[in-house]
N, C-alpha and C. Protein backbone atom coordinates (compact mmCIF):
# COMPACT_ATOMS: atom_id res chain seq x y z
N MET A 1 -9.94 1.64 -1.05
CA MET A 1 -8.53 2.01 -1.10
C MET A 1 -7.85 1.17 -2.18
N ARG A 2 -6.84 1.76 -2.75
CA ARG A 2 -6.05 1.08 -3.76
C ARG A 2 -4.59 1.08 -3.33
N ALA A 3 -3.92 -0.03 -3.63
CA ALA A 3 -2.49 -0.12 -3.36
C ALA A 3 -1.80 -0.75 -4.56
N LEU A 4 -0.76 -0.11 -5.01
CA LEU A 4 0.13 -0.71 -5.97
C LEU A 4 1.32 -1.18 -5.14
N VAL A 5 1.49 -2.51 -5.09
CA VAL A 5 2.46 -3.12 -4.18
C VAL A 5 3.59 -3.73 -4.99
N GLN A 6 4.81 -3.39 -4.63
CA GLN A 6 5.97 -3.94 -5.33
C GLN A 6 6.89 -4.61 -4.31
N ARG A 7 7.28 -5.84 -4.62
CA ARG A 7 8.29 -6.50 -3.79
C ARG A 7 9.63 -5.89 -4.18
N VAL A 8 10.36 -5.40 -3.20
CA VAL A 8 11.60 -4.69 -3.48
C VAL A 8 12.76 -5.27 -2.69
N SER A 9 13.96 -5.11 -3.25
CA SER A 9 15.15 -5.44 -2.48
C SER A 9 15.62 -4.21 -1.70
N ARG A 10 15.17 -3.03 -2.14
CA ARG A 10 15.36 -1.80 -1.36
C ARG A 10 14.50 -0.70 -1.97
N ALA A 11 14.14 0.26 -1.12
CA ALA A 11 13.35 1.42 -1.57
C ALA A 11 13.55 2.56 -0.59
N SER A 12 13.39 3.78 -1.11
CA SER A 12 13.51 4.95 -0.24
C SER A 12 12.67 6.09 -0.78
N VAL A 13 12.36 7.02 0.11
CA VAL A 13 11.65 8.25 -0.24
C VAL A 13 12.48 9.41 0.26
N THR A 14 12.66 10.40 -0.61
CA THR A 14 13.40 11.60 -0.27
C THR A 14 12.50 12.81 -0.53
N VAL A 15 12.48 13.73 0.44
CA VAL A 15 11.73 14.98 0.30
C VAL A 15 12.70 16.12 0.60
N ASP A 16 12.81 17.05 -0.33
CA ASP A 16 13.72 18.20 -0.18
C ASP A 16 15.13 17.78 0.22
N GLY A 17 15.63 16.71 -0.38
CA GLY A 17 16.99 16.26 -0.14
C GLY A 17 17.18 15.40 1.10
N ALA A 18 16.14 15.21 1.90
CA ALA A 18 16.25 14.41 3.12
C ALA A 18 15.48 13.11 2.97
N VAL A 19 16.10 12.00 3.34
CA VAL A 19 15.42 10.70 3.29
C VAL A 19 14.40 10.65 4.42
N THR A 20 13.15 10.38 4.06
CA THR A 20 12.08 10.30 5.06
C THR A 20 11.67 8.87 5.37
N GLY A 21 12.04 7.95 4.50
CA GLY A 21 11.74 6.54 4.71
C GLY A 21 12.66 5.70 3.87
N ARG A 22 13.12 4.57 4.45
CA ARG A 22 14.03 3.70 3.71
C ARG A 22 13.85 2.28 4.24
N ILE A 23 13.78 1.32 3.30
CA ILE A 23 13.73 -0.09 3.68
C ILE A 23 14.71 -0.87 2.82
N GLU A 24 15.08 -2.00 3.31
CA GLU A 24 15.79 -2.97 2.49
C GLU A 24 14.72 -3.90 1.93
N ARG A 25 14.87 -5.18 2.08
CA ARG A 25 13.90 -6.14 1.55
C ARG A 25 12.50 -5.87 2.11
N GLY A 26 11.50 -5.91 1.23
CA GLY A 26 10.15 -5.69 1.71
C GLY A 26 9.18 -5.30 0.61
N LEU A 27 8.20 -4.49 1.02
CA LEU A 27 7.14 -4.06 0.11
C LEU A 27 7.12 -2.54 0.01
N LEU A 28 7.12 -2.05 -1.22
CA LEU A 28 6.84 -0.65 -1.46
C LEU A 28 5.35 -0.57 -1.76
N VAL A 29 4.63 0.21 -0.98
CA VAL A 29 3.17 0.31 -1.10
C VAL A 29 2.82 1.74 -1.49
N LEU A 30 2.34 1.92 -2.73
CA LEU A 30 1.80 3.20 -3.15
C LEU A 30 0.32 3.15 -2.83
N LEU A 31 -0.16 4.05 -1.99
CA LEU A 31 -1.50 3.95 -1.40
C LEU A 31 -2.38 5.14 -1.77
N GLY A 32 -3.59 4.83 -2.25
CA GLY A 32 -4.56 5.87 -2.57
C GLY A 32 -5.89 5.58 -1.91
N ALA A 33 -6.66 6.64 -1.68
CA ALA A 33 -7.98 6.50 -1.07
C ALA A 33 -9.00 7.26 -1.91
N THR A 34 -10.24 6.76 -1.88
CA THR A 34 -11.34 7.44 -2.55
C THR A 34 -12.34 7.91 -1.51
N HIS A 35 -13.39 8.58 -1.95
CA HIS A 35 -14.32 9.27 -1.06
C HIS A 35 -15.01 8.39 -0.02
N ASP A 36 -15.41 7.19 -0.39
CA ASP A 36 -16.18 6.37 0.55
C ASP A 36 -15.32 5.37 1.32
N ASP A 37 -14.00 5.50 1.27
CA ASP A 37 -13.13 4.62 2.04
C ASP A 37 -13.18 5.01 3.52
N GLY A 38 -12.99 4.01 4.36
CA GLY A 38 -13.01 4.26 5.80
C GLY A 38 -12.14 3.28 6.55
N GLU A 39 -12.35 3.24 7.85
CA GLU A 39 -11.57 2.38 8.76
C GLU A 39 -11.56 0.92 8.32
N ALA A 40 -12.72 0.41 7.92
CA ALA A 40 -12.80 -1.00 7.51
C ALA A 40 -11.93 -1.28 6.29
N ASP A 41 -11.86 -0.34 5.37
CA ASP A 41 -11.01 -0.50 4.19
C ASP A 41 -9.53 -0.53 4.58
N ALA A 42 -9.15 0.39 5.45
CA ALA A 42 -7.76 0.44 5.90
C ALA A 42 -7.39 -0.85 6.64
N ALA A 43 -8.29 -1.35 7.48
CA ALA A 43 -8.02 -2.58 8.23
C ALA A 43 -7.92 -3.79 7.29
N TRP A 44 -8.84 -3.88 6.34
CA TRP A 44 -8.82 -5.00 5.40
C TRP A 44 -7.52 -5.01 4.60
N LEU A 45 -7.14 -3.84 4.09
CA LEU A 45 -5.96 -3.75 3.26
C LEU A 45 -4.68 -4.01 4.06
N ALA A 46 -4.60 -3.51 5.28
CA ALA A 46 -3.42 -3.75 6.13
C ALA A 46 -3.26 -5.25 6.40
N ALA A 47 -4.35 -5.92 6.74
CA ALA A 47 -4.29 -7.36 7.00
C ALA A 47 -3.92 -8.12 5.72
N LYS A 48 -4.49 -7.71 4.60
CA LYS A 48 -4.20 -8.35 3.32
C LYS A 48 -2.71 -8.25 2.99
N LEU A 49 -2.14 -7.06 3.12
CA LEU A 49 -0.74 -6.86 2.76
C LEU A 49 0.20 -7.55 3.74
N ALA A 50 -0.13 -7.54 5.02
CA ALA A 50 0.72 -8.21 6.01
C ALA A 50 0.81 -9.70 5.73
N GLY A 51 -0.26 -10.29 5.25
CA GLY A 51 -0.29 -11.73 5.00
C GLY A 51 -0.02 -12.14 3.56
N LEU A 52 0.26 -11.18 2.70
CA LEU A 52 0.46 -11.45 1.28
C LEU A 52 1.73 -12.27 1.07
N ARG A 53 1.57 -13.45 0.53
CA ARG A 53 2.70 -14.37 0.37
C ARG A 53 3.36 -14.16 -0.99
N VAL A 54 4.33 -13.26 -1.01
CA VAL A 54 5.05 -12.94 -2.25
C VAL A 54 6.56 -13.10 -2.11
N PHE A 55 7.00 -13.64 -0.98
CA PHE A 55 8.43 -13.85 -0.77
C PHE A 55 8.72 -15.35 -0.82
N ALA A 56 9.86 -15.69 -1.39
CA ALA A 56 10.20 -17.09 -1.62
C ALA A 56 10.53 -17.83 -0.32
N ASP A 57 10.10 -19.09 -0.28
CA ASP A 57 10.50 -19.99 0.80
C ASP A 57 11.79 -20.69 0.38
N ASP A 58 12.20 -21.69 1.14
CA ASP A 58 13.46 -22.40 0.83
C ASP A 58 13.40 -23.14 -0.50
N ALA A 59 12.19 -23.46 -0.96
CA ALA A 59 12.03 -24.16 -2.24
C ALA A 59 11.88 -23.18 -3.42
N GLY A 60 11.93 -21.89 -3.13
CA GLY A 60 11.80 -20.90 -4.20
C GLY A 60 10.38 -20.53 -4.56
N LYS A 61 9.40 -21.04 -3.81
CA LYS A 61 7.98 -20.74 -4.06
C LYS A 61 7.58 -19.50 -3.25
N MET A 62 6.66 -18.71 -3.80
CA MET A 62 6.17 -17.54 -3.07
C MET A 62 5.21 -18.00 -1.97
N ASN A 63 5.78 -18.31 -0.81
CA ASN A 63 5.00 -18.83 0.32
C ASN A 63 5.20 -18.06 1.61
N ARG A 64 6.01 -17.01 1.60
CA ARG A 64 6.27 -16.25 2.82
C ARG A 64 5.72 -14.83 2.69
N ASP A 65 5.19 -14.34 3.79
CA ASP A 65 4.75 -12.95 3.81
C ASP A 65 5.91 -12.06 4.24
N VAL A 66 5.70 -10.78 4.26
CA VAL A 66 6.77 -9.82 4.55
C VAL A 66 7.34 -10.02 5.94
N ARG A 67 6.52 -10.41 6.90
CA ARG A 67 7.02 -10.64 8.26
C ARG A 67 7.92 -11.87 8.30
N GLU A 68 7.47 -12.95 7.66
CA GLU A 68 8.25 -14.19 7.63
C GLU A 68 9.57 -14.00 6.89
N ALA A 69 9.59 -13.09 5.93
CA ALA A 69 10.79 -12.82 5.14
C ALA A 69 11.73 -11.84 5.84
N GLY A 70 11.32 -11.32 7.00
CA GLY A 70 12.15 -10.35 7.71
C GLY A 70 12.20 -9.00 7.03
N GLY A 71 11.15 -8.69 6.30
CA GLY A 71 11.10 -7.44 5.54
C GLY A 71 10.35 -6.34 6.25
N ALA A 72 10.16 -5.25 5.54
CA ALA A 72 9.45 -4.07 6.04
C ALA A 72 8.59 -3.52 4.91
N ALA A 73 7.83 -2.48 5.21
CA ALA A 73 7.00 -1.82 4.21
C ALA A 73 7.32 -0.34 4.19
N LEU A 74 7.44 0.20 2.99
CA LEU A 74 7.55 1.64 2.79
C LEU A 74 6.24 2.07 2.15
N VAL A 75 5.44 2.84 2.89
CA VAL A 75 4.11 3.23 2.43
C VAL A 75 4.16 4.68 1.96
N VAL A 76 3.78 4.88 0.70
CA VAL A 76 3.85 6.19 0.06
C VAL A 76 2.44 6.62 -0.32
N PRO A 77 1.96 7.76 0.19
CA PRO A 77 0.64 8.24 -0.22
C PRO A 77 0.67 8.66 -1.68
N GLN A 78 -0.35 8.23 -2.44
CA GLN A 78 -0.36 8.55 -3.87
C GLN A 78 -1.79 8.69 -4.38
N PHE A 79 -2.30 9.90 -4.35
CA PHE A 79 -3.66 10.15 -4.81
C PHE A 79 -3.83 9.87 -6.29
N THR A 80 -2.74 9.89 -7.06
CA THR A 80 -2.85 9.68 -8.50
C THR A 80 -3.27 8.27 -8.87
N LEU A 81 -3.30 7.35 -7.91
CA LEU A 81 -3.83 6.01 -8.19
C LEU A 81 -5.31 6.07 -8.56
N TYR A 82 -5.97 7.16 -8.18
CA TYR A 82 -7.37 7.36 -8.56
C TYR A 82 -7.51 8.33 -9.73
N GLY A 83 -6.45 8.54 -10.47
CA GLY A 83 -6.52 9.37 -11.66
C GLY A 83 -7.25 8.65 -12.78
N ASP A 84 -8.00 9.41 -13.56
CA ASP A 84 -8.75 8.86 -14.69
C ASP A 84 -8.28 9.58 -15.95
N ALA A 85 -7.63 8.81 -16.83
CA ALA A 85 -7.09 9.39 -18.06
C ALA A 85 -7.79 8.83 -19.29
N ARG A 86 -9.02 8.36 -19.12
CA ARG A 86 -9.73 7.78 -20.26
C ARG A 86 -10.13 8.83 -21.28
N ARG A 87 -10.38 10.06 -20.83
CA ARG A 87 -10.76 11.13 -21.76
C ARG A 87 -9.68 12.19 -21.78
N GLY A 88 -9.44 12.73 -22.92
CA GLY A 88 -8.48 13.81 -23.05
C GLY A 88 -7.06 13.37 -22.77
N ARG A 89 -6.20 14.34 -22.53
CA ARG A 89 -4.79 14.04 -22.29
C ARG A 89 -4.35 14.36 -20.88
N ARG A 90 -5.21 15.03 -20.12
CA ARG A 90 -4.88 15.37 -18.74
C ARG A 90 -5.76 14.55 -17.81
N PRO A 91 -5.16 13.77 -16.90
CA PRO A 91 -5.99 12.97 -15.99
C PRO A 91 -6.80 13.86 -15.05
N GLU A 92 -7.95 13.34 -14.67
CA GLU A 92 -8.74 14.03 -13.64
C GLU A 92 -8.67 13.18 -12.38
N PHE A 93 -8.77 13.84 -11.24
CA PHE A 93 -8.57 13.17 -9.96
C PHE A 93 -9.78 13.30 -9.05
N THR A 94 -10.97 13.43 -9.64
CA THR A 94 -12.18 13.61 -8.84
C THR A 94 -12.51 12.38 -7.99
N ALA A 95 -12.03 11.22 -8.36
CA ALA A 95 -12.30 10.02 -7.56
C ALA A 95 -11.39 9.91 -6.34
N ALA A 96 -10.31 10.68 -6.30
CA ALA A 96 -9.41 10.65 -5.15
C ALA A 96 -10.04 11.38 -3.97
N ALA A 97 -9.85 10.82 -2.80
CA ALA A 97 -10.38 11.46 -1.59
C ALA A 97 -9.65 12.78 -1.34
N ARG A 98 -10.37 13.72 -0.80
CA ARG A 98 -9.78 15.01 -0.42
C ARG A 98 -8.73 14.76 0.67
N PRO A 99 -7.73 15.61 0.75
CA PRO A 99 -6.66 15.40 1.74
C PRO A 99 -7.15 15.24 3.18
N GLU A 100 -8.18 15.96 3.54
CA GLU A 100 -8.67 15.87 4.92
C GLU A 100 -9.28 14.50 5.23
N ILE A 101 -9.65 13.76 4.21
CA ILE A 101 -10.14 12.38 4.39
C ILE A 101 -8.99 11.40 4.17
N ALA A 102 -8.21 11.62 3.13
CA ALA A 102 -7.16 10.68 2.75
C ALA A 102 -6.01 10.62 3.75
N GLU A 103 -5.61 11.74 4.29
CA GLU A 103 -4.45 11.72 5.19
C GLU A 103 -4.70 10.91 6.46
N PRO A 104 -5.84 11.10 7.15
CA PRO A 104 -6.08 10.25 8.32
C PRO A 104 -6.19 8.76 7.96
N LEU A 105 -6.73 8.46 6.78
CA LEU A 105 -6.79 7.06 6.34
C LEU A 105 -5.40 6.50 6.08
N TYR A 106 -4.55 7.29 5.47
CA TYR A 106 -3.17 6.89 5.24
C TYR A 106 -2.48 6.60 6.57
N GLU A 107 -2.61 7.52 7.52
CA GLU A 107 -2.00 7.34 8.84
C GLU A 107 -2.56 6.11 9.54
N ARG A 108 -3.87 5.92 9.44
CA ARG A 108 -4.50 4.76 10.08
C ARG A 108 -4.02 3.46 9.44
N PHE A 109 -3.93 3.44 8.12
CA PHE A 109 -3.43 2.26 7.42
C PHE A 109 -2.02 1.92 7.91
N CYS A 110 -1.15 2.91 7.99
CA CYS A 110 0.22 2.67 8.45
C CYS A 110 0.23 2.10 9.87
N ALA A 111 -0.60 2.66 10.74
CA ALA A 111 -0.67 2.17 12.12
C ALA A 111 -1.20 0.73 12.17
N LEU A 112 -2.21 0.44 11.38
CA LEU A 112 -2.78 -0.91 11.33
C LEU A 112 -1.77 -1.91 10.77
N LEU A 113 -1.04 -1.53 9.74
CA LEU A 113 -0.02 -2.41 9.17
C LEU A 113 1.07 -2.69 10.21
N ALA A 114 1.49 -1.66 10.93
CA ALA A 114 2.47 -1.85 12.00
C ALA A 114 1.90 -2.76 13.09
N GLY A 115 0.60 -2.61 13.38
CA GLY A 115 -0.06 -3.46 14.35
C GLY A 115 -0.11 -4.92 13.94
N GLU A 116 0.03 -5.17 12.64
CA GLU A 116 0.08 -6.54 12.11
C GLU A 116 1.49 -7.13 12.23
N GLY A 117 2.42 -6.35 12.79
CA GLY A 117 3.77 -6.85 12.98
C GLY A 117 4.74 -6.52 11.86
N VAL A 118 4.37 -5.57 11.01
CA VAL A 118 5.24 -5.16 9.90
C VAL A 118 5.92 -3.85 10.27
N LYS A 119 7.25 -3.79 10.13
CA LYS A 119 7.96 -2.54 10.32
C LYS A 119 7.56 -1.61 9.19
N VAL A 120 7.13 -0.40 9.52
CA VAL A 120 6.61 0.53 8.52
C VAL A 120 7.45 1.80 8.48
N GLU A 121 7.88 2.13 7.28
CA GLU A 121 8.49 3.43 6.99
C GLU A 121 7.49 4.18 6.12
N ARG A 122 7.62 5.51 6.05
CA ARG A 122 6.59 6.31 5.38
C ARG A 122 7.16 7.35 4.42
N GLY A 123 6.32 7.66 3.45
CA GLY A 123 6.53 8.83 2.63
C GLY A 123 5.93 10.02 3.39
N VAL A 124 5.78 11.14 2.70
CA VAL A 124 5.25 12.35 3.35
C VAL A 124 4.00 12.79 2.59
N PHE A 125 2.90 12.87 3.29
CA PHE A 125 1.63 13.25 2.69
C PHE A 125 1.71 14.69 2.18
N ARG A 126 1.20 14.92 0.98
CA ARG A 126 1.14 16.23 0.32
C ARG A 126 2.51 16.84 0.01
N ALA A 127 3.52 16.00 -0.11
CA ALA A 127 4.86 16.49 -0.45
C ALA A 127 5.25 15.95 -1.82
N HIS A 128 6.14 16.67 -2.47
CA HIS A 128 6.74 16.14 -3.70
C HIS A 128 7.84 15.19 -3.26
N MET A 129 7.71 13.92 -3.62
CA MET A 129 8.64 12.90 -3.16
C MET A 129 9.42 12.32 -4.33
N ASP A 130 10.67 12.01 -4.06
CA ASP A 130 11.47 11.22 -4.99
C ASP A 130 11.48 9.81 -4.41
N VAL A 131 10.94 8.86 -5.16
CA VAL A 131 10.86 7.47 -4.72
C VAL A 131 11.83 6.66 -5.54
N GLU A 132 12.74 5.99 -4.86
CA GLU A 132 13.69 5.11 -5.53
C GLU A 132 13.42 3.69 -5.07
N LEU A 133 13.52 2.73 -6.03
CA LEU A 133 13.28 1.35 -5.66
C LEU A 133 14.01 0.42 -6.59
N VAL A 134 14.27 -0.77 -6.08
CA VAL A 134 14.74 -1.87 -6.91
C VAL A 134 13.68 -2.94 -6.77
N ASN A 135 12.89 -3.11 -7.84
CA ASN A 135 11.81 -4.09 -7.85
C ASN A 135 12.43 -5.47 -7.93
N ASP A 136 12.07 -6.32 -7.00
CA ASP A 136 12.62 -7.67 -6.90
C ASP A 136 11.72 -8.65 -7.62
N GLY A 137 12.16 -9.14 -8.75
CA GLY A 137 11.39 -10.15 -9.48
C GLY A 137 11.29 -9.87 -10.96
N PRO A 138 10.59 -8.92 -11.42
CA PRO A 138 9.74 -7.98 -10.67
C PRO A 138 8.44 -8.62 -10.21
N VAL A 139 8.02 -8.21 -9.04
CA VAL A 139 6.71 -8.62 -8.51
C VAL A 139 5.95 -7.33 -8.21
N THR A 140 4.85 -7.11 -8.92
CA THR A 140 4.02 -5.92 -8.74
C THR A 140 2.56 -6.34 -8.77
N LEU A 141 1.81 -5.93 -7.75
CA LEU A 141 0.39 -6.29 -7.64
C LEU A 141 -0.46 -5.05 -7.41
N TRP A 142 -1.63 -5.04 -8.01
CA TRP A 142 -2.64 -4.01 -7.79
C TRP A 142 -3.69 -4.62 -6.86
N ILE A 143 -3.89 -4.02 -5.71
CA ILE A 143 -4.85 -4.55 -4.74
C ILE A 143 -5.82 -3.44 -4.38
N GLU A 144 -7.09 -3.78 -4.45
CA GLU A 144 -8.14 -2.81 -4.16
C GLU A 144 -9.11 -3.41 -3.16
N THR A 145 -9.53 -2.59 -2.20
CA THR A 145 -10.48 -3.10 -1.21
C THR A 145 -11.80 -3.42 -1.89
N PRO A 146 -12.48 -4.44 -1.38
CA PRO A 146 -13.78 -4.79 -1.96
C PRO A 146 -14.78 -3.66 -1.77
N PRO A 147 -15.78 -3.56 -2.64
CA PRO A 147 -16.84 -2.58 -2.42
C PRO A 147 -17.52 -2.86 -1.08
N PRO A 148 -18.10 -1.85 -0.44
CA PRO A 148 -18.68 -2.03 0.90
C PRO A 148 -19.64 -3.22 1.03
N ALA A 149 -20.57 -3.39 0.10
CA ALA A 149 -21.54 -4.49 0.24
C ALA A 149 -20.85 -5.84 0.12
N ARG A 150 -19.88 -5.93 -0.77
CA ARG A 150 -19.16 -7.19 -0.96
C ARG A 150 -18.18 -7.45 0.18
N GLY A 151 -17.60 -6.40 0.74
CA GLY A 151 -16.61 -6.55 1.79
C GLY A 151 -17.13 -7.33 2.98
N ALA A 152 -18.36 -7.05 3.41
CA ALA A 152 -18.93 -7.76 4.55
C ALA A 152 -19.15 -9.22 4.21
N ALA A 153 -19.62 -9.49 3.00
CA ALA A 153 -19.87 -10.87 2.59
C ALA A 153 -18.57 -11.66 2.48
N VAL A 154 -17.52 -11.02 1.96
CA VAL A 154 -16.23 -11.69 1.84
C VAL A 154 -15.70 -12.06 3.22
N ALA A 155 -15.75 -11.12 4.16
CA ALA A 155 -15.24 -11.38 5.50
C ALA A 155 -16.03 -12.50 6.18
N GLU A 156 -17.34 -12.51 5.98
CA GLU A 156 -18.17 -13.55 6.61
C GLU A 156 -17.93 -14.92 5.99
N THR A 157 -17.77 -14.98 4.69
CA THR A 157 -17.63 -16.29 4.04
C THR A 157 -16.23 -16.83 4.13
N GLU A 158 -15.24 -15.97 4.13
CA GLU A 158 -13.86 -16.44 4.17
C GLU A 158 -13.30 -16.47 5.58
N GLY A 159 -13.87 -15.67 6.46
CA GLY A 159 -13.40 -15.63 7.83
C GLY A 159 -12.13 -14.82 8.05
N GLN A 160 -11.58 -14.26 7.00
CA GLN A 160 -10.39 -13.44 7.11
C GLN A 160 -10.25 -12.58 5.88
N PRO A 161 -9.34 -11.57 5.96
CA PRO A 161 -9.13 -10.72 4.78
C PRO A 161 -8.48 -11.48 3.65
């Protein structure tokens, strides 16, 4: 799974003129899945984002996670994170998981992130969305789950995501 994560002072998603998700301070998470992603990837990424220390402490250092900062997450499904534009002028999306695989993973990721104690708002899967945000910092990170063989070794050696 891939996530483009932005620390925001506010963000919202609108579909057909109706707001479907809105947060103030927190993380905007654009989330994509590929063919071999599964439950372990969603769990790893949810734990990683819940504990990601990108919010300032009293000394101005990035030492607080979204929960400690009193923030929330707006999670937006985005298959185009797996777009490949290296050849030609039109990206291809063959690396993106099919909707029947990606949508349950998206839903599971949101549930797991909420289970980590993060308030979660959502975009709408397979909808044309208008996403508005104010990037705070700006702070923007690209986070990708480890490959399957490496993922087990990382969890065993580090003891956590």
